[in-house]
Amino acid sequence: MLTKRDLLRSAALAAITATTAKSVPVSAQTKAEWPNLFEAKTIAEEGFIYGLPIVMNYAVMYEYSVDKNSGQYKAPFNQIHNEARVFTYKDTAVITPNSDTPYSILWLDLRAEPIVLSVPAVDKSRYYSVMLCDGNTFNYGYVGSRATGSEAGDYMVVGPDWKGATPPGIKKVFQSSTQFSAVAYRTQLFNSADMPNVEKVQAGYKVQPLSASLKQPAPPAAAAVDFPKANAELVKKNFFDYLDFALQFAPAGPEERVIREKLARIGVGPGRTFDFKDLPLTHKIEIGLGMKDGEEKVEKYLASGQKDVNGWKIGSLFGDRQFYSGDWLKRAAAAKGGIYGNDAVEAVYGTIPACERVLVGDHVRRQDAIADRKPNQSVSDQFADAAGHENERRRFVDAVHPE
């Protein structure tokens, strides 16, 4: 099972100490084409920072919608999976899932045609959101009580290359920058007795291809994909192999041109076939050292890149393509701190590093806290645990909204 921190620890050291067997150049790349020692190390550092969210996202997608034996599997692509429970310490694929908004999980394959998401009417007193997050970890849209209201509606999600008219009845079109995309539904749970009502809302979430929505023949199916297996050891040793694979489904945006060109110099990117094990030992060392430096920069940014307010670390690290505008270090820190976090307009995140408690808006949740390690903790116990930190909640709200 791929745990939440495995992607982030010892990646570079594993790269340096990987096999030293006789190797051949990547994609027949000649020695003259390979950048010099310092250039290669710098490219690996920048590439690690750029690629960390993409590789983390791929690993989660693989566990949730590809590998049925992962222990975290939810459903095939384009099928929604509702969780009629709150997440606990056993849910390891995502670093900091909420524990007060039961999830519905959906992974989209947008290659063949758009997908239509339908939401039911939801009581105005109940918060819900549908967050669209693509393979670049850009939050490219929201449906829900804040973003679109509590009324029922149909919304269409399209891939990066889609061009076409908006069909009748579709309230809004959202365009993913990648061909595969995550959709995270969060439905508010008021208390432990409220779960049946949450389940009723979840039952109203519907997903169907555009052709089915329009009652038209389906287009030809997209080609089958041979997804490389992702586990902790493989990701540590073969980080750039996974990045190389994922980029074929992610057309480069204008702000990615420079980093993509740099990565191409070490054989990473669409049309190339990066294979770490085939690199000469000297190149492996260059890559490994660069990755190690990149990881240290991400750690440093995450520790210092948020505002300190009355002892709370408060900041907004999540957003869409325009929000990041090529700031790959901010994006990497966001993924490491809690991949699939909400935009600031949707939720406020605050942490106390010493005890690792996390508050989201006015709702208490935890990140690796002791209470989360209690096996089989009931919903009522989790709410009691949250209620026990009411003073901290008020302190956080006062910090965010001082009088």
Protein backbone atom coordinates (compact mmCIF):
# COMPACT_ATOMS: atom_id res chain seq x y z
CA MET A 1 0.00 0.00 0.00
CA LEU A 2 1.28 3.45 -0.87
CA THR A 3 1.23 5.49 2.33
CA LYS A 4 0.79 9.23 2.41
CA ARG A 5 4.41 10.08 3.18
CA ASP A 6 6.17 7.43 1.09
CA LEU A 7 6.27 9.69 -1.94
CA LEU A 8 8.05 12.35 0.03
CA ARG A 9 10.76 10.50 1.92
CA SER A 10 14.08 9.16 0.69
CA ALA A 11 13.26 9.57 -2.99
CA ALA A 12 16.62 11.06 -3.85
CA LEU A 13 18.71 8.68 -1.74
CA ALA A 14 16.94 5.73 -3.30
CA ALA A 15 17.74 7.15 -6.71
CA ILE A 16 21.44 7.47 -5.88
CA THR A 17 21.73 3.93 -4.53
CA ALA A 18 19.71 2.26 -7.28
CA THR A 19 21.14 -0.50 -9.43
CA THR A 20 24.53 0.09 -11.08
CA ALA A 21 24.10 -2.56 -13.77
CA LYS A 22 25.41 -1.86 -17.28
CA SER A 23 23.06 0.58 -18.96
CA VAL A 24 22.15 2.18 -22.27
CA PRO A 25 21.28 5.84 -22.93
CA VAL A 26 17.67 7.01 -22.51
CA SER A 27 15.79 7.00 -25.84
CA ALA A 28 19.09 6.60 -27.69
CA GLN A 29 20.13 9.98 -26.33
CA THR A 30 23.78 10.54 -27.13
CA LYS A 31 26.35 11.50 -24.53
CA ALA A 32 26.79 14.86 -26.24
CA GLU A 33 23.08 15.64 -25.81
CA TRP A 34 23.06 15.03 -22.06
CA PRO A 35 23.56 18.26 -20.06
CA ASN A 36 26.71 18.69 -18.03
CA LEU A 37 26.91 17.76 -14.36
CA PHE A 38 25.66 21.04 -12.95
CA GLU A 39 22.94 21.48 -15.58
CA ALA A 40 21.64 17.95 -15.06
CA LYS A 41 21.51 18.39 -11.30
CA THR A 42 19.66 21.70 -11.68
CA ILE A 43 17.19 20.21 -14.14
CA ALA A 44 16.54 17.30 -11.79
CA GLU A 45 15.97 19.70 -8.89
CA GLU A 46 13.56 21.87 -10.86
CA GLY A 47 11.94 18.80 -12.41
CA PHE A 48 11.35 17.22 -9.01
CA ILE A 49 9.68 20.38 -7.73
CA TYR A 50 7.59 20.69 -10.89
CA GLY A 51 6.70 17.01 -11.04
CA LEU A 52 6.03 16.18 -7.39
CA PRO A 53 2.28 17.05 -7.46
CA ILE A 54 1.86 15.29 -10.81
CA VAL A 55 3.49 12.08 -9.58
CA MET A 56 1.61 12.20 -6.27
CA ASN A 57 -1.64 12.63 -8.16
CA TYR A 58 -0.82 9.70 -10.43
CA ALA A 59 -0.12 7.48 -7.42
CA VAL A 60 -3.48 8.35 -5.85
CA MET A 61 -5.30 7.80 -9.15
CA TYR A 62 -3.62 4.43 -9.53
CA GLU A 63 -4.70 3.33 -6.06
CA TYR A 64 -8.23 4.70 -6.36
CA SER A 65 -9.24 3.73 -9.91
CA VAL A 66 -6.71 1.31 -11.43
CA ASP A 67 -5.39 -1.20 -8.89
CA LYS A 68 -8.32 -3.11 -7.43
CA ASN A 69 -5.97 -4.74 -4.92
CA SER A 70 -4.44 -1.52 -3.59
CA GLY A 71 -6.47 -1.46 -0.40
CA GLN A 72 -7.62 2.06 -1.33
CA TYR A 73 -9.55 1.22 -4.52
CA LYS A 74 -12.81 3.16 -4.99
CA ALA A 75 -14.29 2.67 -8.47
CA PRO A 76 -13.38 2.52 -12.18
CA PHE A 77 -13.00 5.72 -14.17
CA ASN A 78 -16.21 7.68 -14.70
CA GLN A 79 -18.03 5.93 -11.84
CA ILE A 80 -18.70 7.70 -8.56
CA HIS A 81 -17.98 6.05 -5.21
CA ASN A 82 -19.80 7.37 -2.13
CA GLU A 83 -18.26 7.03 1.32
CA ALA A 84 -21.00 6.91 3.96
CA ARG A 85 -18.43 7.48 6.70
CA VAL A 86 -15.77 9.94 7.77
CA PHE A 87 -12.16 9.28 6.82
CA THR A 88 -9.76 7.92 9.45
CA TYR A 89 -6.06 7.12 9.86
CA LYS A 90 -6.57 4.08 7.59
CA ASP A 91 -7.19 6.29 4.56
CA THR A 92 -3.57 6.76 3.56
CA ALA A 93 -3.63 7.65 -0.14
CA VAL A 94 -4.42 11.32 0.53
CA ILE A 95 -2.33 13.18 3.12
CA THR A 96 -4.96 15.20 5.01
CA PRO A 97 -8.55 14.17 4.19
CA ASN A 98 -11.39 15.93 6.01
CA SER A 99 -13.08 14.04 8.82
CA ASP A 100 -16.31 16.05 9.01
CA THR A 101 -17.43 15.99 5.36
CA PRO A 102 -17.97 12.45 4.04
CA TYR A 103 -16.50 12.10 0.57
CA SER A 104 -17.72 10.94 -2.77
CA ILE A 105 -14.79 10.09 -5.04
CA LEU A 106 -14.73 10.21 -8.83
CA TRP A 107 -11.91 9.90 -11.35
CA LEU A 108 -12.67 11.04 -14.89
CA ASP A 109 -11.27 9.76 -18.17
CA LEU A 110 -12.05 12.61 -20.59
CA ARG A 111 -10.29 11.25 -23.67
CA ALA A 112 -13.33 9.90 -25.54
CA GLU A 113 -15.96 12.50 -24.65
CA PRO A 114 -17.05 14.98 -21.97
CA ILE A 115 -18.67 13.80 -18.75
CA VAL A 116 -21.84 15.27 -17.25
CA LEU A 117 -22.06 15.69 -13.48
CA SER A 118 -25.53 16.07 -11.99
CA VAL A 119 -26.18 17.28 -8.47
CA PRO A 120 -29.47 17.22 -6.54
CA ALA A 121 -31.17 20.05 -4.72
CA VAL A 122 -29.54 20.29 -1.29
CA ASP A 123 -31.00 21.98 1.76
CA LYS A 124 -29.51 25.45 2.09
CA SER A 125 -28.43 24.73 5.64
CA ARG A 126 -26.11 21.95 4.49
CA TYR A 127 -22.76 22.76 2.94
CA TYR A 128 -21.57 20.66 0.01
CA SER A 129 -18.95 21.12 -2.66
CA VAL A 130 -17.73 19.36 -5.78
CA MET A 131 -14.08 20.22 -6.41
CA LEU A 132 -12.55 19.56 -9.83
CA CYS A 133 -8.79 18.92 -9.65
CA ASP A 134 -6.85 17.81 -12.72
CA GLY A 135 -3.61 15.89 -13.14
CA ASN A 136 -1.63 19.12 -12.71
CA THR A 137 -3.37 19.52 -9.32
CA PHE A 138 -5.02 22.70 -10.56
CA ASN A 139 -8.42 23.25 -8.92
CA TYR A 140 -10.15 24.26 -12.12
CA GLY A 141 -13.72 24.59 -10.88
CA TYR A 142 -16.33 24.13 -8.18
CA VAL A 143 -19.97 23.14 -7.99
CA GLY A 144 -21.73 23.47 -4.66
CA SER A 145 -23.52 25.58 -2.12
CA ARG A 146 -20.95 28.39 -2.26
CA ALA A 147 -20.01 28.28 -5.93
CA THR A 148 -23.26 27.54 -7.74
CA GLY A 149 -25.98 27.42 -5.09
CA SER A 150 -28.09 24.66 -3.59
CA GLU A 151 -30.34 24.00 -6.59
CA ALA A 152 -30.18 20.85 -8.72
CA GLY A 153 -28.21 21.11 -11.95
CA ASP A 154 -26.16 19.47 -14.70
CA TYR A 155 -22.53 20.47 -15.33
CA MET A 156 -20.15 19.28 -18.04
CA VAL A 157 -16.45 18.50 -17.67
CA VAL A 158 -14.32 18.42 -20.82
CA GLY A 159 -10.75 17.49 -21.62
CA PRO A 160 -7.95 19.85 -22.70
CA ASP A 161 -8.54 19.38 -26.43
CA TRP A 162 -12.33 19.56 -26.45
CA LYS A 163 -14.02 22.15 -28.61
CA GLY A 164 -17.75 22.30 -29.07
CA ALA A 165 -21.04 23.94 -28.22
CA THR A 166 -22.59 23.72 -24.78
CA PRO A 167 -25.58 21.36 -24.94
CA PRO A 168 -28.99 22.59 -23.75
CA GLY A 169 -29.56 22.14 -20.04
CA ILE A 170 -25.88 22.34 -19.06
CA LYS A 171 -25.39 25.11 -16.50
CA LYS A 172 -21.62 25.41 -16.87
CA VAL A 173 -18.68 23.81 -18.66
CA PHE A 174 -15.39 23.11 -16.85
CA GLN A 175 -12.24 22.34 -18.83
CA SER A 176 -9.54 20.14 -17.34
CA SER A 177 -5.93 20.79 -18.37
CA THR A 178 -5.29 17.02 -18.40
CA GLN A 179 -7.10 14.04 -19.85
CA PHE A 180 -7.63 12.43 -16.46
CA SER A 181 -9.11 14.37 -13.56
CA ALA A 182 -10.14 13.91 -9.95
CA VAL A 183 -13.51 15.07 -8.61
CA ALA A 184 -13.89 15.32 -4.83
CA TYR A 185 -17.38 15.70 -3.39
CA ARG A 186 -17.64 16.90 0.22
CA THR A 187 -21.03 16.72 1.97
CA GLN A 188 -21.43 18.24 5.42
CA LEU A 189 -22.19 15.91 8.33
CA PHE A 190 -23.85 17.72 11.23
CA ASN A 191 -23.50 14.97 13.84
CA SER A 192 -23.26 11.20 14.12
CA ALA A 193 -27.03 10.76 13.69
CA ASP A 194 -26.98 12.77 10.45
CA MET A 195 -25.31 10.13 8.25
CA PRO A 196 -28.59 8.85 6.68
CA ASN A 197 -29.30 12.38 5.47
CA VAL A 198 -25.79 12.62 3.99
CA GLU A 199 -26.39 9.34 2.19
CA LYS A 200 -29.57 10.74 0.63
CA VAL A 201 -27.61 13.68 -0.77
CA GLN A 202 -24.85 11.39 -2.03
CA ALA A 203 -27.44 9.22 -3.80
CA GLY A 204 -28.39 12.27 -5.85
CA TYR A 205 -24.90 12.71 -7.30
CA LYS A 206 -24.99 11.29 -10.85
CA VAL A 207 -22.28 10.84 -13.49
CA GLN A 208 -22.72 9.96 -17.17
CA PRO A 209 -20.96 10.47 -20.51
CA LEU A 210 -22.28 13.30 -22.65
CA SER A 211 -23.58 10.86 -25.26
CA ALA A 212 -25.69 9.06 -22.65
CA SER A 213 -26.97 12.37 -21.33
CA LEU A 214 -28.05 13.35 -24.85
CA LYS A 215 -29.31 9.83 -25.61
CA GLN A 216 -26.97 9.58 -28.58
CA PRO A 217 -24.61 6.79 -29.72
CA ALA A 218 -21.33 6.78 -27.85
CA PRO A 219 -18.15 7.75 -29.74
CA PRO A 220 -15.36 5.18 -30.17
CA ALA A 221 -13.76 4.24 -26.87
CA ALA A 222 -10.36 5.69 -26.04
CA ALA A 223 -7.38 3.38 -26.38
CA ALA A 224 -6.57 1.17 -23.43
CA VAL A 225 -3.77 2.48 -21.22
CA ASP A 226 -1.10 0.30 -19.67
CA PHE A 227 -0.79 2.16 -16.38
CA PRO A 228 2.55 1.47 -14.68
CA LYS A 229 2.16 -0.01 -11.23
CA ALA A 230 2.73 2.52 -8.46
CA ASN A 231 3.89 1.57 -5.01
CA ALA A 232 6.18 3.12 -2.44
CA GLU A 233 9.39 1.45 -3.57
CA LEU A 234 8.80 1.99 -7.27
CA VAL A 235 8.00 5.67 -6.82
CA LYS A 236 11.12 6.23 -4.73
CA LYS A 237 13.39 4.68 -7.32
CA ASN A 238 11.66 5.79 -10.50
CA PHE A 239 10.21 9.24 -9.88
CA PHE A 240 10.99 10.59 -13.33
CA ASP A 241 9.66 7.45 -15.01
CA TYR A 242 6.24 8.25 -13.53
CA LEU A 243 6.50 11.91 -14.45
CA ASP A 244 7.45 10.94 -17.98
CA PHE A 245 4.38 8.70 -18.22
CA ALA A 246 1.94 11.22 -16.76
CA LEU A 247 3.00 14.11 -19.00
CA GLN A 248 1.64 12.39 -22.11
CA PHE A 249 -1.86 13.13 -20.80
CA ALA A 250 -1.05 16.75 -19.92
CA PRO A 251 -0.56 19.18 -22.81
CA ALA A 252 1.88 21.89 -21.75
CA GLY A 253 0.53 25.31 -20.91
CA PRO A 254 2.44 28.47 -21.88
CA GLU A 255 4.02 28.74 -18.42
CA GLU A 256 5.30 25.16 -18.67
CA ARG A 257 7.28 25.59 -21.87
CA VAL A 258 10.63 26.29 -20.17
CA ILE A 259 10.51 23.46 -17.63
CA ARG A 260 9.26 21.00 -20.25
CA GLU A 261 12.18 21.91 -22.53
CA LYS A 262 14.60 21.37 -19.66
CA LEU A 263 13.08 17.99 -18.80
CA ALA A 264 13.32 16.93 -22.43
CA ARG A 265 17.10 17.34 -22.16
CA ILE A 266 17.21 14.45 -19.69
CA GLY A 267 14.71 12.39 -21.67
CA VAL A 268 11.49 13.21 -19.80
CA GLY A 269 8.32 14.20 -21.60
CA PRO A 270 5.83 13.23 -24.32
CA GLY A 271 7.46 11.36 -27.17
CA ARG A 272 10.33 10.23 -24.96
CA THR A 273 10.87 7.11 -22.91
CA PHE A 274 12.68 7.85 -19.69
CA ASP A 275 13.97 4.79 -17.84
CA PHE A 276 16.05 5.50 -14.77
CA LYS A 277 17.56 2.04 -14.57
CA ASP A 278 19.12 2.47 -18.01
CA LEU A 279 21.04 5.63 -17.06
CA PRO A 280 24.80 5.52 -16.49
CA LEU A 281 25.77 5.72 -12.82
CA THR A 282 27.05 9.29 -13.15
CA HIS A 283 23.69 10.43 -14.53
CA LYS A 284 21.87 8.63 -11.72
CA ILE A 285 23.94 10.50 -9.19
CA GLU A 286 23.22 13.84 -10.90
CA ILE A 287 19.49 13.08 -10.90
CA GLY A 288 19.54 11.88 -7.31
CA LEU A 289 21.38 14.91 -5.94
CA GLY A 290 19.06 17.28 -7.79
CA MET A 291 16.00 15.51 -6.42
CA LYS A 292 17.36 15.70 -2.89
CA ASP A 293 17.93 19.46 -3.22
CA GLY A 294 14.44 19.87 -4.67
CA GLU A 295 12.85 18.02 -1.80
CA GLU A 296 14.69 20.20 0.72
CA LYS A 297 13.39 23.33 -1.00
CA VAL A 298 9.82 22.03 -0.82
CA GLU A 299 10.26 21.28 2.89
CA LYS A 300 11.64 24.76 3.54
CA TYR A 301 8.85 26.49 1.63
CA LEU A 302 6.19 24.51 3.45
CA ALA A 303 7.71 25.45 6.80
CA SER A 304 8.07 29.16 6.05
CA GLY A 305 5.61 29.94 3.27
CA GLN A 306 2.56 30.51 5.48
CA LYS A 307 1.57 33.43 7.68
CA ASP A 308 1.96 33.11 11.46
CA VAL A 309 -1.16 34.45 13.22
CA ASN A 310 -1.36 33.97 16.99
CA GLY A 311 0.60 30.74 16.78
CA TRP A 312 -1.35 29.36 13.82
CA LYS A 313 0.23 28.77 10.43
CA ILE A 314 -2.34 30.12 7.98
CA GLY A 315 -1.97 30.27 4.23
CA SER A 316 -3.51 29.54 0.88
CA LEU A 317 -1.51 27.17 -1.31
CA PHE A 318 -4.29 25.79 -3.52
CA GLY A 319 -5.83 27.16 -6.67
CA ASP A 320 -6.14 27.00 -10.44
CA ARG A 321 -3.57 27.45 -13.20
CA GLN A 322 -3.72 31.24 -12.95
CA PHE A 323 -3.26 31.08 -9.16
CA TYR A 324 0.09 29.28 -9.51
CA SER A 325 1.22 31.05 -12.70
CA GLY A 326 4.27 28.83 -12.98
CA ASP A 327 5.21 28.93 -9.27
CA TRP A 328 6.01 25.23 -9.14
CA LEU A 329 7.50 25.45 -5.66
CA LYS A 330 4.23 26.72 -4.22
CA ARG A 331 2.34 23.96 -6.03
CA ALA A 332 4.74 21.29 -4.74
CA ALA A 333 4.43 22.58 -1.17
CA ALA A 334 0.65 22.52 -1.48
CA ALA A 335 0.69 18.90 -2.61
CA LYS A 336 3.08 17.85 0.12
CA GLY A 337 1.17 19.71 2.81
CA GLY A 338 -2.17 18.25 1.77
CA ILE A 339 -2.84 17.33 -1.84
CA TYR A 340 -6.37 18.16 -3.08
CA GLY A 341 -6.83 21.06 -0.67
CA ASN A 342 -9.49 23.69 -1.31
CA ASP A 343 -9.06 27.17 -2.69
CA ALA A 344 -8.98 29.92 -0.05
CA VAL A 345 -12.45 31.08 -1.06
CA GLU A 346 -13.79 27.64 -0.18
CA ALA A 347 -11.89 26.86 3.03
CA VAL A 348 -9.30 28.34 5.36
CA TYR A 349 -6.50 26.02 6.50
CA GLY A 350 -4.56 26.51 9.71
CA THR A 351 -2.07 24.32 11.52
CA ILE A 352 -0.17 24.19 14.79
CA PRO A 353 3.05 22.38 13.84
CA ALA A 354 3.87 21.35 17.43
CA CYS A 355 0.82 19.14 17.82
CA GLU A 356 -0.05 18.85 14.12
CA ARG A 357 -3.70 19.76 14.59
CA VAL A 358 -5.43 21.10 11.51
CA LEU A 359 -8.51 23.30 11.36
CA VAL A 360 -10.49 23.91 8.21
CA GLY A 361 -12.83 26.90 8.51
CA ASP A 362 -14.84 26.30 11.67
CA HIS A 363 -14.48 22.51 11.47
CA VAL A 364 -11.84 20.65 13.46
CA ARG A 365 -9.90 17.88 11.78
CA ARG A 366 -6.55 16.30 12.44
CA GLN A 367 -3.33 15.56 10.63
CA ASP A 368 -1.51 12.55 12.07
CA ALA A 369 -2.81 13.39 15.54
CA ILE A 370 -2.87 10.74 18.27
CA ALA A 371 -6.66 10.52 18.25
CA ASP A 372 -6.59 9.54 14.57
CA ARG A 373 -4.55 6.49 15.43
CA LYS A 374 -7.29 4.94 17.56
CA PRO A 375 -8.46 1.86 15.66
CA ASN A 376 -12.17 1.59 14.82
CA GLN A 377 -12.96 4.98 16.33
CA SER A 378 -16.68 5.59 16.05
CA VAL A 379 -18.20 8.68 14.47
CA SER A 380 -19.50 9.83 17.85
CA ASP A 381 -16.03 9.46 19.37
CA GLN A 382 -14.54 11.50 16.56
CA PHE A 383 -17.06 14.26 17.13
CA ALA A 384 -16.38 14.15 20.86
CA ASP A 385 -12.67 14.44 20.15
CA ALA A 386 -13.31 17.46 17.93
CA ALA A 387 -15.56 19.07 20.53
CA GLY A 388 -12.78 18.71 23.06
CA HIS A 389 -10.76 21.29 21.14
CA GLU A 390 -13.42 23.97 20.98
CA ASN A 391 -11.14 26.56 22.57
CA GLU A 392 -8.57 25.98 19.84
CA ARG A 393 -11.29 26.33 17.22
CA ARG A 394 -12.32 29.70 18.65
CA ARG A 395 -8.70 30.80 18.79
CA PHE A 396 -8.30 29.93 15.13
CA VAL A 397 -11.47 31.76 14.11
CA ASP A 398 -10.32 34.82 16.09
CA ALA A 399 -7.00 34.70 14.26
CA VAL A 400 -8.66 34.57 10.86
CA HIS A 401 -11.46 37.03 11.67
CA PRO A 402 -10.14 39.38 14.38
CA GLU A 403 -12.66 41.79 15.81
